[in-house]
Protein backbone atom coordinates (compact mmCIF):
# COMPACT_ATOMS: atom_id res chain seq x y z
CA UNK A 1 0.00 0.00 0.00
CA UNK A 2 1.37 3.37 -1.04
CA UNK A 3 1.05 5.98 1.71
CA UNK A 4 1.65 9.73 1.83
CA UNK A 5 1.96 11.94 4.91
CA UNK A 6 0.85 15.52 5.55
CA UNK A 7 1.00 18.14 8.28
CA UNK A 8 -1.83 20.64 8.53
CA UNK A 9 -1.17 23.81 10.53
CA UNK A 10 -4.43 25.46 11.59
CA UNK A 11 -4.38 28.91 13.15
CA UNK A 12 -7.78 29.85 14.60
CA UNK A 13 -9.35 31.64 17.55
CA UNK A 14 -9.00 29.72 20.81
CA UNK A 15 -11.17 26.64 20.76
CA UNK A 16 -11.15 22.92 21.44
CA UNK A 17 -10.00 22.21 17.88
CA UNK A 18 -6.45 21.02 17.13
CA UNK A 19 -3.79 23.44 15.90
CA UNK A 20 -1.79 20.77 14.03
CA UNK A 21 -3.09 17.62 12.38
CA UNK A 22 -0.84 14.92 10.92
CA UNK A 23 -2.41 12.66 8.30
CA UNK A 24 -1.44 9.28 6.88
CA UNK A 25 -3.16 8.98 3.49
CA UNK A 26 -3.42 6.01 1.14
CA UNK A 27 -3.50 6.19 -2.68
CA UNK A 28 -7.32 6.30 -2.77
CA UNK A 29 -7.48 9.27 -0.37
CA UNK A 30 -8.50 7.32 2.74
CA UNK A 31 -6.91 8.32 6.08
CA UNK A 32 -6.09 5.22 8.16
CA UNK A 33 -4.27 7.19 10.91
CA UNK A 34 -4.12 10.77 12.12
CA UNK A 35 -2.69 12.76 15.01
CA UNK A 36 -4.38 15.85 16.49
CA UNK A 37 -2.12 18.27 18.40
CA UNK A 38 -3.88 20.85 20.58
CA UNK A 39 -2.68 24.29 21.69
CA UNK A 40 -2.09 23.02 25.25
CA UNK A 41 0.24 20.27 23.97
CA UNK A 42 -2.24 17.40 24.25
CA UNK A 43 -2.15 14.86 21.46
CA UNK A 44 -4.73 12.42 20.25
CA UNK A 45 -3.77 9.59 17.90
CA UNK A 46 -6.49 7.77 16.02
CA UNK A 47 -6.38 4.77 13.73
CA UNK A 48 -9.19 3.00 11.92
CA UNK A 49 -7.91 -0.27 13.40
CA UNK A 50 -8.64 1.13 16.88
CA UNK A 51 -12.33 1.33 16.02
CA UNK A 52 -14.75 -1.44 15.25
CA UNK A 53 -17.06 1.01 13.52
CA UNK A 54 -19.63 0.24 10.89
CA UNK A 55 -21.05 2.94 8.67
CA UNK A 56 -24.72 3.51 7.84
CA UNK A 57 -24.55 0.91 5.09
CA UNK A 58 -22.98 -1.56 7.57
CA UNK A 59 -19.58 -1.56 5.87
CA UNK A 60 -16.44 -1.24 7.95
CA UNK A 61 -15.06 2.31 8.21
CA UNK A 62 -11.79 2.59 6.24
CA UNK A 63 -11.01 6.28 6.73
CA UNK A 64 -11.00 8.84 9.55
CA UNK A 65 -12.20 11.59 7.20
CA UNK A 66 -15.33 11.76 5.04
CA UNK A 67 -14.73 11.63 1.32
CA UNK A 68 -11.32 11.69 -0.31
CA UNK A 69 -8.58 13.51 1.59
CA UNK A 70 -7.17 14.66 -1.75
CA UNK A 71 -10.48 16.23 -2.81
CA UNK A 72 -10.59 18.04 0.53
CA UNK A 73 -7.17 19.65 0.11
CA UNK A 74 -7.55 20.52 -3.57
CA UNK A 75 -6.33 24.09 -4.04
CA UNK A 76 -4.14 24.20 -0.94
CA UNK A 77 -0.60 25.07 -1.97
CA UNK A 78 2.14 23.13 -0.21
CA UNK A 79 3.26 25.10 2.84
CA UNK A 80 1.41 28.35 2.02
CA UNK A 81 -1.38 29.57 4.26
CA UNK A 82 -4.96 29.84 3.03
CA UNK A 83 -6.90 32.49 4.94
CA UNK A 84 -10.62 32.63 5.62
CA UNK A 85 -11.91 35.05 8.25
CA UNK A 86 -9.85 34.59 11.42
CA UNK A 87 -8.59 31.16 10.35
CA UNK A 88 -5.41 30.32 8.49
CA UNK A 89 -4.56 26.84 7.28
CA UNK A 90 -1.63 25.27 5.47
CA UNK A 91 -0.96 21.74 4.28
CA UNK A 92 2.58 20.45 3.87
CA UNK A 93 3.68 17.04 2.68
CA UNK A 94 6.08 15.39 5.14
CA UNK A 95 8.20 12.24 5.16
CA UNK A 96 6.91 9.02 6.71
CA UNK A 97 9.60 9.12 9.41
CA UNK A 98 8.28 12.46 10.74
CA UNK A 99 4.76 11.01 11.06
CA UNK A 100 6.08 7.88 12.79
CA UNK A 101 8.13 9.93 15.27
CA UNK A 102 5.00 11.92 16.20
CA UNK A 103 2.90 8.73 16.40
CA UNK A 104 5.37 6.81 18.56
CA UNK A 105 5.97 9.82 20.86
CA UNK A 106 2.26 9.97 21.67
CA UNK A 107 1.94 6.22 22.11
CA UNK A 108 4.91 6.26 24.52
CA UNK A 109 3.34 9.14 26.53
CA UNK A 110 0.09 7.18 26.72
CA UNK A 111 1.94 4.11 28.02
CA UNK A 112 1.15 2.03 24.96
CA UNK A 113 3.47 -0.48 23.39
CA UNK A 114 5.11 0.79 20.17
CA UNK A 115 3.59 -0.70 16.99
């Protein structure tokens, strides 16, 4: 399976939303894993394998985002900020090792065994 990795920086008014999101994306645009990083330093790692979720049509969930990730980021230029109101967002492609370092760091903090 061919995977790509992205970092989304999201500048917005104070809220409970993450300020950085790391995505693991497969060739079809599904997101099997992601990492939310919040302004207070908290992290939340999610993987489709952690959930035994079934969708409305009773098929197993294969992505943590609705629709194709690639359709959702169409028009975002690598590393440049897109502004809308008080929000600014950028999407940058990163190497797999950077994603794995972030993933393993959170898992270690949470006391989980490395994958």
